[in-house]
Amino acid sequence: MVNGQPRAWLRSGELAKNAGVSTDTLRHYERLGILAKPRRSDGNYRMYSPDSVNRVQLVRRALAIGFSLRELAKILKIRDQGGAPCRHVRAIAEEKLAHIERELANLAAVRDQLRALLTAWDQKLERTPDGQPARLLELLIQNTKETNL
């Protein structure tokens, strides 16, 4: 027992291992208010509730899909105070999806331009005798004017 509580409480190293993060990450989450300040044992060890594992895993998954720590701190504060930030969470996720869709469209355009450039370079190389410079990079200037690369 620790501070009169059953040993269900986890030391920071145990929580970190169970959640797949470092103890430094746990302290960072505490500073941001993402993770509640832990209890202290008689030996002054940080002791986290068992549900802290789920909280840290939730944060890690949310980070993986693009949420920021700042966003999560605000959302979790509202939730911890009894609020329901669900519509806000959805709106943030929708913004992130729109951003990803724009990035994908931009990447697809760059991919298509690069394919066209490689085709032009291949044609130039076929016409260039061995040992002679093909001046492929100079085609970037020409292709920029023609294809907005």
Protein backbone atom coordinates (compact mmCIF):
# COMPACT_ATOMS: atom_id res chain seq x y z
CA MET A 1 0.00 0.00 0.00
CA VAL A 2 1.10 3.55 -0.77
CA ASN A 3 -0.40 6.45 1.20
CA GLY A 4 -3.14 4.10 2.36
CA GLN A 5 -4.12 3.23 -1.24
CA PRO A 6 -3.95 -0.18 -2.94
CA ARG A 7 -0.92 -0.66 -5.22
CA ALA A 8 -3.05 -0.05 -8.32
CA TRP A 9 -1.30 3.30 -8.59
CA LEU A 10 1.66 3.35 -10.99
CA ARG A 11 5.06 4.91 -10.55
CA SER A 12 6.17 7.14 -13.40
CA GLY A 13 8.46 4.46 -14.83
CA GLU A 14 5.63 1.92 -14.83
CA LEU A 15 3.22 4.34 -16.48
CA ALA A 16 5.81 5.34 -19.05
CA LYS A 17 6.52 1.71 -19.91
CA ASN A 18 2.82 0.76 -20.09
CA ALA A 19 1.98 3.79 -22.23
CA GLY A 20 5.06 3.58 -24.47
CA VAL A 21 6.53 6.99 -23.60
CA SER A 22 9.40 8.33 -21.52
CA THR A 23 9.13 9.70 -18.00
CA ASP A 24 10.22 13.05 -19.45
CA THR A 25 7.14 12.95 -21.67
CA LEU A 26 4.94 12.33 -18.62
CA ARG A 27 6.43 15.35 -16.84
CA HIS A 28 5.92 17.44 -19.98
CA TYR A 29 2.28 16.36 -20.15
CA GLU A 30 1.89 17.32 -16.48
CA ARG A 31 3.31 20.80 -17.13
CA LEU A 32 0.86 21.28 -20.00
CA GLY A 33 -2.08 20.07 -17.91
CA ILE A 34 -2.68 17.10 -20.20
CA LEU A 35 -1.92 14.68 -17.39
CA ALA A 36 -3.08 15.39 -13.85
CA LYS A 37 -0.43 16.08 -11.25
CA PRO A 38 0.30 12.71 -9.68
CA ARG A 39 0.07 11.80 -6.04
CA ARG A 40 3.29 11.30 -4.15
CA SER A 41 4.23 8.14 -2.31
CA ASP A 42 5.76 8.08 1.15
CA GLY A 43 9.13 8.04 -0.64
CA ASN A 44 8.06 11.05 -2.77
CA TYR A 45 7.66 8.98 -5.96
CA ARG A 46 5.11 10.15 -8.47
CA MET A 47 2.11 7.82 -8.37
CA TYR A 48 -0.39 7.85 -11.23
CA SER A 49 -3.88 6.44 -11.29
CA PRO A 50 -4.42 3.36 -13.46
CA ASP A 51 -6.54 5.37 -15.93
CA SER A 52 -3.48 7.51 -16.69
CA VAL A 53 -2.33 4.81 -19.12
CA ASN A 54 -5.46 5.35 -21.21
CA ARG A 55 -5.03 9.13 -21.05
CA VAL A 56 -1.44 8.97 -22.31
CA GLN A 57 -2.37 6.49 -25.05
CA LEU A 58 -5.25 8.76 -26.11
CA VAL A 59 -2.83 11.69 -26.34
CA ARG A 60 -0.31 9.68 -28.36
CA ARG A 61 -2.99 8.56 -30.83
CA ALA A 62 -4.37 12.08 -31.14
CA LEU A 63 -0.86 13.40 -31.82
CA ALA A 64 -0.39 10.74 -34.49
CA ILE A 65 -3.39 12.04 -36.44
CA GLY A 66 -2.30 15.64 -36.20
CA PHE A 67 -3.67 17.13 -33.00
CA SER A 68 -1.21 19.40 -31.19
CA LEU A 69 -0.40 19.24 -27.51
CA ARG A 70 -1.85 22.74 -27.11
CA GLU A 71 -5.14 21.64 -28.68
CA LEU A 72 -5.25 18.52 -26.54
CA ALA A 73 -4.54 20.48 -23.36
CA LYS A 74 -7.53 22.75 -24.05
CA ILE A 75 -9.81 19.87 -25.01
CA LEU A 76 -8.87 17.72 -22.03
CA LYS A 77 -9.24 20.64 -19.63
CA ILE A 78 -12.81 21.16 -20.83
CA ARG A 79 -13.48 17.44 -20.55
CA ASP A 80 -11.93 17.21 -17.08
CA GLN A 81 -14.13 20.08 -15.93
CA GLY A 82 -17.23 18.17 -16.99
CA GLY A 83 -17.65 19.82 -20.38
CA ALA A 84 -18.32 18.16 -23.70
CA PRO A 85 -15.80 19.40 -26.28
CA CYS A 86 -16.90 16.82 -28.84
CA ARG A 87 -18.08 19.24 -31.53
CA HIS A 88 -14.89 21.26 -31.12
CA VAL A 89 -12.82 18.08 -31.43
CA ARG A 90 -14.66 17.16 -34.61
CA ALA A 91 -14.17 20.64 -36.06
CA ILE A 92 -10.44 20.46 -35.39
CA ALA A 93 -10.24 17.02 -37.01
CA GLU A 94 -12.18 18.31 -40.01
CA GLU A 95 -9.68 21.18 -40.41
CA LYS A 96 -6.81 18.71 -40.21
CA LEU A 97 -8.37 16.52 -42.88
CA ALA A 98 -8.87 19.52 -45.17
CA HIS A 99 -5.22 20.47 -44.66
CA ILE A 100 -4.09 16.93 -45.48
CA GLU A 101 -6.30 16.89 -48.60
CA ARG A 102 -4.67 20.15 -49.77
CA GLU A 103 -1.20 18.74 -49.10
CA LEU A 104 -2.03 15.57 -51.02
CA ALA A 105 -3.27 17.60 -53.98
CA ASN A 106 -0.08 19.67 -53.92
CA LEU A 107 2.06 16.54 -53.70
CA ALA A 108 0.17 14.95 -56.60
CA ALA A 109 0.80 18.06 -58.71
CA VAL A 110 4.52 18.01 -57.86
CA ARG A 111 4.63 14.28 -58.62
CA ASP A 112 3.07 14.86 -62.03
CA GLN A 113 5.49 17.70 -62.78
CA LEU A 114 8.45 15.57 -61.72
CA ARG A 115 7.27 12.71 -63.96
CA ALA A 116 7.06 15.11 -66.90
CA LEU A 117 10.51 16.47 -66.09
CA LEU A 118 12.00 12.97 -65.96
CA THR A 119 10.44 12.20 -69.34
CA ALA A 120 11.98 15.38 -70.78
CA TRP A 121 15.32 14.52 -69.21
CA ASP A 122 15.20 10.99 -70.63
CA GLN A 123 14.54 12.42 -74.10
CA LYS A 124 17.40 14.90 -73.70
CA LEU A 125 19.77 12.16 -72.52
CA GLU A 126 18.87 9.99 -75.54
CA ARG A 127 19.92 12.86 -77.83
CA THR A 128 23.10 13.66 -75.89
CA PRO A 129 26.30 11.83 -76.92
CA ASP A 130 28.12 9.93 -74.16
CA GLY A 131 30.59 12.09 -72.32
CA GLN A 132 28.82 15.32 -73.27
CA PRO A 133 26.90 17.38 -70.72
CA ALA A 134 23.15 17.19 -71.17
CA ARG A 135 22.55 20.29 -69.04
CA LEU A 136 19.55 18.67 -67.37
CA LEU A 137 19.32 21.25 -64.61
CA GLU A 138 18.98 24.00 -67.17
CA LEU A 139 15.80 22.30 -68.30
CA LEU A 140 14.39 23.17 -64.88
CA ILE A 141 14.33 26.82 -65.90
CA GLN A 142 12.70 26.01 -69.21
CA ASN A 143 10.23 23.58 -67.58
CA THR A 144 9.44 26.07 -64.83
CA LYS A 145 8.27 28.53 -67.44
CA GLU A 146 6.32 25.86 -69.29
CA THR A 147 4.88 23.76 -66.41
CA ASN A 148 5.10 25.97 -63.30
CA LEU A 149 7.46 23.51 -61.62
